[in-house]
Amino acid sequence: MFKYLLLKVIYDSSDVDVVERSMYDMSFKYFLGMSPEEDVINPSTLTKFRKLRLKDVELLDMLIGKTVEIAIAKGIIKTNTIIVDATHSGSRSNPYSPVQALKLRSKKLSKCLYEHDESIKETLPAKNTDDDLVHELAYTQSLVDKVSKCRKMRS
């Protein structure tokens, strides 16, 4: 599964595309340690594994971290310095304005709260509807305060 996910991230493909390409691409089969006639997994297996076990959190960072961890444990890497060829990697620049970034974070936090407790919807503050940074900061702070209060009440 790890190797399938690594191919998925490297080639920026969907689960179905990675599994489909693994059927006919000999380089994929070789990387996966499969013989040419060997059957590949069902794409739903990969999707289920990724969603249930990994929760899609920073998948590439997690995969690279795990790879380096295994390499160090096996004695393949014997230095504290790792050089990464970033020729084709995306920029880590932030394409969002501060307001957009805050809105995205607030939305993620709200969604997480809803998943944990649907009844919390009635107690959360009203969403900020304009693009004023001060208003968005106030809204985000009120969400954080709400989480803090909930955590204190459960302790």
N, C-alpha and C. Protein backbone atom coordinates (compact mmCIF):
# COMPACT_ATOMS: atom_id res chain seq x y z
N MET A 1 0.83 -1.20 0.00
CA MET A 1 0.00 0.00 0.00
C MET A 1 0.87 1.25 0.00
N PHE A 2 1.95 1.21 0.79
CA PHE A 2 2.86 2.33 0.88
C PHE A 2 3.41 2.69 -0.50
N LYS A 3 3.82 1.69 -1.25
CA LYS A 3 4.40 1.94 -2.56
C LYS A 3 3.36 2.49 -3.53
N TYR A 4 2.15 1.98 -3.46
CA TYR A 4 1.08 2.53 -4.30
C TYR A 4 0.86 4.01 -3.97
N LEU A 5 0.83 4.32 -2.67
CA LEU A 5 0.61 5.70 -2.27
C LEU A 5 1.76 6.61 -2.69
N LEU A 6 2.97 6.07 -2.63
CA LEU A 6 4.12 6.84 -3.07
C LEU A 6 4.02 7.15 -4.57
N LEU A 7 3.63 6.16 -5.36
CA LEU A 7 3.42 6.38 -6.80
C LEU A 7 2.30 7.40 -7.03
N LYS A 8 1.26 7.30 -6.24
CA LYS A 8 0.12 8.22 -6.35
C LYS A 8 0.57 9.66 -6.13
N VAL A 9 1.40 9.88 -5.12
CA VAL A 9 1.87 11.23 -4.82
C VAL A 9 2.88 11.71 -5.86
N ILE A 10 3.81 10.84 -6.23
CA ILE A 10 4.84 11.23 -7.20
C ILE A 10 4.23 11.62 -8.53
N TYR A 11 3.26 10.85 -9.01
CA TYR A 11 2.66 11.11 -10.32
C TYR A 11 1.38 11.94 -10.25
N ASP A 12 1.04 12.41 -9.05
CA ASP A 12 -0.15 13.25 -8.85
C ASP A 12 -1.36 12.64 -9.55
N SER A 13 -1.65 11.40 -9.21
CA SER A 13 -2.75 10.65 -9.84
C SER A 13 -3.79 10.26 -8.81
N SER A 14 -4.94 9.86 -9.30
CA SER A 14 -5.99 9.34 -8.43
C SER A 14 -5.67 7.90 -8.07
N ASP A 15 -6.38 7.37 -7.10
CA ASP A 15 -6.19 5.97 -6.70
C ASP A 15 -6.44 5.05 -7.90
N VAL A 16 -7.52 5.31 -8.62
CA VAL A 16 -7.88 4.48 -9.77
C VAL A 16 -6.80 4.55 -10.84
N ASP A 17 -6.29 5.75 -11.12
CA ASP A 17 -5.26 5.91 -12.15
C ASP A 17 -3.98 5.18 -11.79
N VAL A 18 -3.57 5.25 -10.54
CA VAL A 18 -2.34 4.57 -10.12
C VAL A 18 -2.49 3.06 -10.26
N VAL A 19 -3.62 2.53 -9.82
CA VAL A 19 -3.83 1.08 -9.90
C VAL A 19 -3.94 0.66 -11.37
N GLU A 20 -4.64 1.45 -12.18
CA GLU A 20 -4.78 1.12 -13.60
C GLU A 20 -3.42 1.13 -14.30
N ARG A 21 -2.62 2.14 -14.01
CA ARG A 21 -1.29 2.21 -14.64
C ARG A 21 -0.40 1.07 -14.16
N SER A 22 -0.62 0.61 -12.95
CA SER A 22 0.15 -0.52 -12.41
C SER A 22 -0.14 -1.82 -13.15
N MET A 23 -1.26 -1.87 -13.87
CA MET A 23 -1.60 -3.07 -14.62
C MET A 23 -0.70 -3.25 -15.84
N TYR A 24 -0.30 -2.12 -16.48
CA TYR A 24 0.43 -2.24 -17.73
C TYR A 24 1.83 -1.61 -17.72
N ASP A 25 2.12 -0.74 -16.79
CA ASP A 25 3.42 -0.06 -16.75
C ASP A 25 4.42 -0.94 -16.00
N MET A 26 5.38 -1.46 -16.73
CA MET A 26 6.36 -2.38 -16.14
C MET A 26 7.23 -1.70 -15.09
N SER A 27 7.47 -0.40 -15.24
CA SER A 27 8.25 0.29 -14.21
C SER A 27 7.48 0.33 -12.90
N PHE A 28 6.16 0.51 -12.96
CA PHE A 28 5.34 0.47 -11.76
C PHE A 28 5.37 -0.94 -11.16
N LYS A 29 5.18 -1.94 -12.01
CA LYS A 29 5.19 -3.33 -11.52
C LYS A 29 6.52 -3.65 -10.84
N TYR A 30 7.63 -3.22 -11.46
CA TYR A 30 8.94 -3.48 -10.90
C TYR A 30 9.07 -2.79 -9.54
N PHE A 31 8.67 -1.53 -9.47
CA PHE A 31 8.73 -0.78 -8.22
C PHE A 31 7.88 -1.44 -7.13
N LEU A 32 6.73 -1.97 -7.54
CA LEU A 32 5.83 -2.62 -6.58
C LEU A 32 6.27 -4.05 -6.23
N GLY A 33 7.33 -4.53 -6.90
CA GLY A 33 7.83 -5.88 -6.63
C GLY A 33 6.92 -6.96 -7.18
N MET A 34 6.30 -6.67 -8.30
CA MET A 34 5.32 -7.60 -8.89
C MET A 34 5.88 -8.19 -10.18
N SER A 35 5.46 -9.40 -10.48
CA SER A 35 5.81 -9.99 -11.77
C SER A 35 4.86 -9.41 -12.82
N PRO A 36 5.25 -9.45 -14.11
CA PRO A 36 4.42 -8.84 -15.16
C PRO A 36 2.99 -9.39 -15.23
N GLU A 37 2.81 -10.66 -14.93
CA GLU A 37 1.47 -11.24 -15.04
C GLU A 37 0.66 -11.15 -13.74
N GLU A 38 1.25 -10.66 -12.69
CA GLU A 38 0.57 -10.58 -11.39
C GLU A 38 -0.54 -9.53 -11.41
N ASP A 39 -1.67 -9.85 -10.76
CA ASP A 39 -2.80 -8.93 -10.69
C ASP A 39 -2.52 -7.82 -9.67
N VAL A 40 -3.07 -6.65 -9.94
CA VAL A 40 -2.93 -5.52 -9.04
C VAL A 40 -4.09 -5.50 -8.05
N ILE A 41 -4.01 -4.62 -7.06
CA ILE A 41 -5.09 -4.51 -6.08
C ILE A 41 -6.29 -3.81 -6.69
N ASN A 42 -7.40 -3.87 -5.99
CA ASN A 42 -8.59 -3.14 -6.38
C ASN A 42 -8.41 -1.69 -5.94
N PRO A 43 -8.75 -0.71 -6.78
CA PRO A 43 -8.57 0.70 -6.39
C PRO A 43 -9.30 1.07 -5.09
N SER A 44 -10.43 0.43 -4.83
CA SER A 44 -11.17 0.75 -3.61
C SER A 44 -10.39 0.36 -2.36
N THR A 45 -9.55 -0.65 -2.47
CA THR A 45 -8.71 -1.06 -1.34
C THR A 45 -7.74 0.06 -0.98
N LEU A 46 -7.14 0.66 -2.00
CA LEU A 46 -6.21 1.76 -1.78
C LEU A 46 -6.93 2.97 -1.19
N THR A 47 -8.09 3.27 -1.74
CA THR A 47 -8.88 4.41 -1.25
C THR A 47 -9.27 4.20 0.20
N LYS A 48 -9.75 3.01 0.51
CA LYS A 48 -10.17 2.71 1.88
C LYS A 48 -9.00 2.80 2.84
N PHE A 49 -7.85 2.25 2.46
CA PHE A 49 -6.66 2.31 3.30
C PHE A 49 -6.26 3.76 3.55
N ARG A 50 -6.24 4.55 2.50
CA ARG A 50 -5.82 5.95 2.61
C ARG A 50 -6.77 6.75 3.49
N LYS A 51 -8.07 6.55 3.30
CA LYS A 51 -9.04 7.35 4.05
C LYS A 51 -9.19 6.89 5.50
N LEU A 52 -9.17 5.59 5.74
CA LEU A 52 -9.38 5.10 7.09
C LEU A 52 -8.11 5.10 7.93
N ARG A 53 -6.99 4.80 7.31
CA ARG A 53 -5.76 4.68 8.08
C ARG A 53 -4.92 5.95 8.11
N LEU A 54 -4.92 6.69 7.01
CA LEU A 54 -4.01 7.83 6.92
C LEU A 54 -4.70 9.17 7.07
N LYS A 55 -5.96 9.24 6.79
CA LYS A 55 -6.76 10.46 6.88
C LYS A 55 -6.21 11.58 6.00
N ASP A 56 -5.39 11.25 4.98
CA ASP A 56 -4.90 12.21 3.97
C ASP A 56 -4.16 13.43 4.54
N VAL A 57 -3.58 13.32 5.71
CA VAL A 57 -2.87 14.46 6.27
C VAL A 57 -1.46 14.53 5.72
N GLU A 58 -1.18 15.56 4.94
CA GLU A 58 0.16 15.78 4.41
C GLU A 58 0.79 14.46 3.97
N LEU A 59 0.16 13.81 3.03
CA LEU A 59 0.54 12.47 2.59
C LEU A 59 1.99 12.40 2.12
N LEU A 60 2.41 13.33 1.29
CA LEU A 60 3.78 13.28 0.77
C LEU A 60 4.80 13.42 1.90
N ASP A 61 4.59 14.36 2.81
CA ASP A 61 5.52 14.54 3.92
C ASP A 61 5.60 13.28 4.78
N MET A 62 4.42 12.67 5.02
CA MET A 62 4.39 11.46 5.83
C MET A 62 5.13 10.31 5.12
N LEU A 63 4.91 10.15 3.81
CA LEU A 63 5.55 9.07 3.06
C LEU A 63 7.06 9.26 3.01
N ILE A 64 7.51 10.46 2.75
CA ILE A 64 8.94 10.72 2.70
C ILE A 64 9.56 10.53 4.08
N GLY A 65 8.88 11.01 5.10
CA GLY A 65 9.38 10.83 6.47
C GLY A 65 9.53 9.37 6.84
N LYS A 66 8.52 8.58 6.49
CA LYS A 66 8.57 7.14 6.78
C LYS A 66 9.68 6.46 6.00
N THR A 67 9.87 6.87 4.74
CA THR A 67 10.94 6.30 3.91
C THR A 67 12.30 6.59 4.53
N VAL A 68 12.52 7.82 4.95
CA VAL A 68 13.79 8.20 5.57
C VAL A 68 13.98 7.44 6.89
N GLU A 69 12.92 7.32 7.67
CA GLU A 69 12.99 6.59 8.94
C GLU A 69 13.41 5.13 8.71
N ILE A 70 12.83 4.48 7.72
CA ILE A 70 13.17 3.09 7.41
C ILE A 70 14.61 3.00 6.91
N ALA A 71 15.01 3.95 6.07
CA ALA A 71 16.38 3.95 5.54
C ALA A 71 17.41 4.12 6.65
N ILE A 72 17.13 4.96 7.62
CA ILE A 72 18.04 5.14 8.75
C ILE A 72 18.10 3.87 9.59
N ALA A 73 16.93 3.26 9.84
CA ALA A 73 16.89 2.02 10.63
C ALA A 73 17.65 0.89 9.96
N LYS A 74 17.62 0.83 8.63
CA LYS A 74 18.31 -0.23 7.88
C LYS A 74 19.78 0.11 7.62
N GLY A 75 20.21 1.30 8.02
CA GLY A 75 21.59 1.69 7.83
C GLY A 75 21.90 2.17 6.42
N ILE A 76 20.89 2.45 5.63
CA ILE A 76 21.10 2.93 4.27
C ILE A 76 21.55 4.39 4.30
N ILE A 77 20.97 5.17 5.19
CA ILE A 77 21.37 6.57 5.37
C ILE A 77 22.24 6.62 6.62
N LYS A 78 23.45 7.15 6.46
CA LYS A 78 24.39 7.17 7.58
C LYS A 78 24.83 8.59 7.92
N THR A 79 24.06 9.56 7.52
CA THR A 79 24.41 10.95 7.77
C THR A 79 23.18 11.67 8.31
N ASN A 80 23.40 12.81 8.90
CA ASN A 80 22.28 13.61 9.40
C ASN A 80 21.80 14.60 8.35
N THR A 81 22.47 14.66 7.22
CA THR A 81 22.12 15.59 6.15
C THR A 81 21.44 14.84 5.02
N ILE A 82 20.30 15.34 4.60
CA ILE A 82 19.58 14.74 3.48
C ILE A 82 19.44 15.79 2.40
N ILE A 83 19.86 15.46 1.19
CA ILE A 83 19.75 16.36 0.05
C ILE A 83 18.59 15.88 -0.81
N VAL A 84 17.66 16.78 -1.10
CA VAL A 84 16.49 16.43 -1.88
C VAL A 84 16.53 17.20 -3.19
N ASP A 85 16.37 16.48 -4.30
CA ASP A 85 16.29 17.13 -5.59
C ASP A 85 14.86 17.66 -5.75
N ALA A 86 14.72 18.96 -5.71
CA ALA A 86 13.39 19.57 -5.76
C ALA A 86 13.11 20.21 -7.11
N THR A 87 13.71 19.68 -8.14
CA THR A 87 13.56 20.25 -9.48
C THR A 87 12.10 20.36 -9.89
N HIS A 88 11.32 19.33 -9.62
CA HIS A 88 9.93 19.30 -10.09
C HIS A 88 8.92 19.42 -8.96
N SER A 89 9.34 19.90 -7.83
CA SER A 89 8.39 20.03 -6.73
C SER A 89 7.71 21.38 -6.79
N GLY A 90 6.55 21.44 -6.22
CA GLY A 90 5.81 22.70 -6.20
C GLY A 90 6.41 23.67 -5.20
N SER A 91 6.16 24.92 -5.41
CA SER A 91 6.66 25.95 -4.51
C SER A 91 5.88 25.92 -3.21
N ARG A 92 6.54 26.25 -2.15
CA ARG A 92 5.88 26.31 -0.86
C ARG A 92 5.36 27.73 -0.57
N SER A 93 5.28 28.54 -1.58
CA SER A 93 4.77 29.89 -1.39
C SER A 93 3.29 29.82 -1.08
N ASN A 94 2.80 30.81 -0.41
CA ASN A 94 1.40 30.82 -0.03
C ASN A 94 0.60 31.61 -1.07
N PRO A 95 -0.24 30.92 -1.84
CA PRO A 95 -1.02 31.62 -2.87
C PRO A 95 -2.24 32.35 -2.30
N TYR A 96 -2.44 32.27 -0.99
CA TYR A 96 -3.63 32.86 -0.37
C TYR A 96 -3.27 34.15 0.37
N SER A 97 -4.20 35.06 0.35
CA SER A 97 -4.05 36.27 1.15
C SER A 97 -4.25 35.88 2.62
N PRO A 98 -3.86 36.74 3.56
CA PRO A 98 -4.08 36.41 4.97
C PRO A 98 -5.54 36.11 5.30
N VAL A 99 -6.46 36.85 4.70
CA VAL A 99 -7.89 36.62 4.96
C VAL A 99 -8.32 35.26 4.41
N GLN A 100 -7.88 34.95 3.20
CA GLN A 100 -8.22 33.65 2.61
C GLN A 100 -7.65 32.50 3.43
N ALA A 101 -6.41 32.66 3.87
CA ALA A 101 -5.78 31.62 4.68
C ALA A 101 -6.54 31.41 5.99
N LEU A 102 -6.91 32.50 6.63
CA LEU A 102 -7.68 32.39 7.88
C LEU A 102 -9.04 31.74 7.63
N LYS A 103 -9.70 32.14 6.54
CA LYS A 103 -11.01 31.55 6.23
C LYS A 103 -10.90 30.04 6.01
N LEU A 104 -9.84 29.62 5.32
CA LEU A 104 -9.64 28.18 5.11
C LEU A 104 -9.43 27.46 6.43
N ARG A 105 -8.61 28.03 7.30
CA ARG A 105 -8.35 27.40 8.61
C ARG A 105 -9.61 27.37 9.47
N SER A 106 -10.36 28.46 9.44
CA SER A 106 -11.61 28.51 10.21
C SER A 106 -12.59 27.46 9.71
N LYS A 107 -12.66 27.33 8.40
CA LYS A 107 -13.57 26.35 7.80
C LYS A 107 -13.17 24.93 8.22
N LYS A 108 -11.87 24.64 8.19
CA LYS A 108 -11.40 23.31 8.61
C LYS A 108 -11.71 23.05 10.07
N LEU A 109 -11.49 24.06 10.91
CA LEU A 109 -11.78 23.91 12.33
C LEU A 109 -13.26 23.68 12.56
N SER A 110 -14.10 24.45 11.89
CA SER A 110 -15.56 24.27 12.02
C SER A 110 -15.97 22.87 11.58
N LYS A 111 -15.44 22.44 10.46
CA LYS A 111 -15.78 21.11 9.94
C LYS A 111 -15.37 20.03 10.94
N CYS A 112 -14.21 20.18 11.51
CA CYS A 112 -13.74 19.22 12.50
C CYS A 112 -14.66 19.20 13.72
N LEU A 113 -15.08 20.38 14.15
CA LEU A 113 -16.00 20.45 15.28
C LEU A 113 -17.33 19.79 14.95
N TYR A 114 -17.85 20.02 13.74
CA TYR A 114 -19.12 19.42 13.32
C TYR A 114 -19.02 17.90 13.30
N GLU A 115 -17.89 17.39 12.82
CA GLU A 115 -17.70 15.94 12.76
C GLU A 115 -17.68 15.34 14.15
N HIS A 116 -17.13 16.08 15.09
CA HIS A 116 -17.02 15.58 16.46
C HIS A 116 -18.36 15.67 17.20
N ASP A 117 -19.07 16.78 16.99
CA ASP A 117 -20.33 17.00 17.70
C ASP A 117 -21.23 17.90 16.86
N GLU A 118 -22.24 17.33 16.21
CA GLU A 118 -23.12 18.10 15.32
C GLU A 118 -23.93 19.16 16.08
N SER A 119 -24.20 18.92 17.35
CA SER A 119 -25.01 19.88 18.10
C SER A 119 -24.27 21.19 18.38
N ILE A 120 -22.98 21.20 18.14
CA ILE A 120 -22.19 22.41 18.40
C ILE A 120 -22.50 23.52 17.40
N LYS A 121 -23.15 23.17 16.27
CA LYS A 121 -23.45 24.16 15.24
C LYS A 121 -24.23 25.36 15.79
N GLU A 122 -25.16 25.08 16.69
CA GLU A 122 -25.99 26.16 17.23
C GLU A 122 -25.21 27.09 18.14
N THR A 123 -24.11 26.62 18.72
CA THR A 123 -23.38 27.43 19.70
C THR A 123 -22.19 28.18 19.11
N LEU A 124 -21.85 27.87 17.86
CA LEU A 124 -20.71 28.54 17.23
C LEU A 124 -21.09 29.93 16.78
N PRO A 125 -20.13 30.84 16.76
CA PRO A 125 -20.43 32.21 16.30
C PRO A 125 -20.76 32.22 14.80
N ALA A 126 -21.44 33.28 14.39
CA ALA A 126 -21.80 33.43 12.97
C ALA A 126 -20.54 33.65 12.15
N LYS A 127 -20.51 33.04 10.96
CA LYS A 127 -19.34 33.16 10.08
C LYS A 127 -19.16 34.59 9.60
N ASN A 128 -17.90 34.95 9.40
CA ASN A 128 -17.58 36.25 8.83
C ASN A 128 -17.88 36.20 7.33
N THR A 129 -18.57 37.20 6.83
CA THR A 129 -18.95 37.19 5.41
C THR A 129 -18.17 38.17 4.56
N ASP A 130 -17.43 39.07 5.19
CA ASP A 130 -16.67 40.04 4.38
C ASP A 130 -15.19 39.65 4.32
N ASP A 131 -14.42 40.43 3.62
CA ASP A 131 -12.99 40.15 3.45
C ASP A 131 -12.13 41.06 4.31
N ASP A 132 -12.65 41.46 5.44
CA ASP A 132 -11.90 42.32 6.36
C ASP A 132 -11.08 41.42 7.30
N LEU A 133 -9.78 41.65 7.32
CA LEU A 133 -8.88 40.82 8.12
C LEU A 133 -9.22 40.89 9.61
N VAL A 134 -9.55 42.07 10.10
CA VAL A 134 -9.87 42.23 11.52
C VAL A 134 -11.11 41.39 11.88
N HIS A 135 -12.12 41.43 11.03
CA HIS A 135 -13.33 40.65 11.29
C HIS A 135 -13.04 39.14 11.25
N GLU A 136 -12.22 38.73 10.29
CA GLU A 136 -11.89 37.31 10.17
C GLU A 136 -11.05 36.85 11.36
N LEU A 137 -10.14 37.70 11.83
CA LEU A 137 -9.35 37.37 13.02
C LEU A 137 -10.26 37.21 14.24
N ALA A 138 -11.23 38.10 14.37
CA ALA A 138 -12.17 38.02 15.50
C ALA A 138 -12.98 36.72 15.43
N TYR A 139 -13.46 36.38 14.25
CA TYR A 139 -14.24 35.15 14.08
C TYR A 139 -13.38 33.92 14.41
N THR A 140 -12.17 33.89 13.89
CA THR A 140 -11.28 32.75 14.13
C THR A 140 -10.96 32.65 15.62
N GLN A 141 -10.70 33.78 16.26
CA GLN A 141 -10.41 33.76 17.70
C GLN A 141 -11.61 33.25 18.49
N SER A 142 -12.81 33.63 18.07
CA SER A 142 -14.01 33.15 18.78
C SER A 142 -14.17 31.63 18.62
N LEU A 143 -13.79 31.09 17.46
CA LEU A 143 -13.82 29.63 17.27
C LEU A 143 -12.82 28.95 18.19
N VAL A 144 -11.62 29.50 18.26
CA VAL A 144 -10.58 28.94 19.12
C VAL A 144 -11.02 29.00 20.58
N ASP A 145 -11.62 30.11 20.99
CA ASP A 145 -12.13 30.23 22.36
C ASP A 145 -13.18 29.18 22.65
N LYS A 146 -14.04 28.93 21.67
CA LYS A 146 -15.10 27.92 21.83
C LYS A 146 -14.50 26.53 22.03
N VAL A 147 -13.47 26.22 21.26
CA VAL A 147 -12.80 24.92 21.40
C VAL A 147 -12.16 24.81 22.78
N SER A 148 -11.54 25.89 23.22
CA SER A 148 -10.90 25.89 24.54
C SER A 148 -11.92 25.67 25.64
N LYS A 149 -13.08 26.35 25.53
CA LYS A 149 -14.14 26.17 26.54
C LYS A 149 -14.66 24.74 26.56
N CYS A 150 -14.86 24.16 25.38
CA CYS A 150 -15.35 22.79 25.28
C CYS A 150 -14.34 21.81 25.89
N ARG A 151 -13.07 22.08 25.64
CA ARG A 151 -12.02 21.19 26.16
C ARG A 151 -11.96 21.28 27.68
N LYS A 152 -12.12 22.48 28.22
CA LYS A 152 -12.08 22.66 29.69
C LYS A 152 -13.28 21.97 30.33
N MET A 153 -14.45 22.06 29.66
CA MET A 153 -15.65 21.43 30.22
C MET A 153 -15.55 19.92 30.24
N ARG A 154 -14.84 19.34 29.27
CA ARG A 154 -14.70 17.89 29.20
C ARG A 154 -13.62 17.35 30.14
N SER A 155 -12.75 18.24 30.59
CA SER A 155 -11.65 17.81 31.48
C SER A 155 -12.10 17.57 32.88
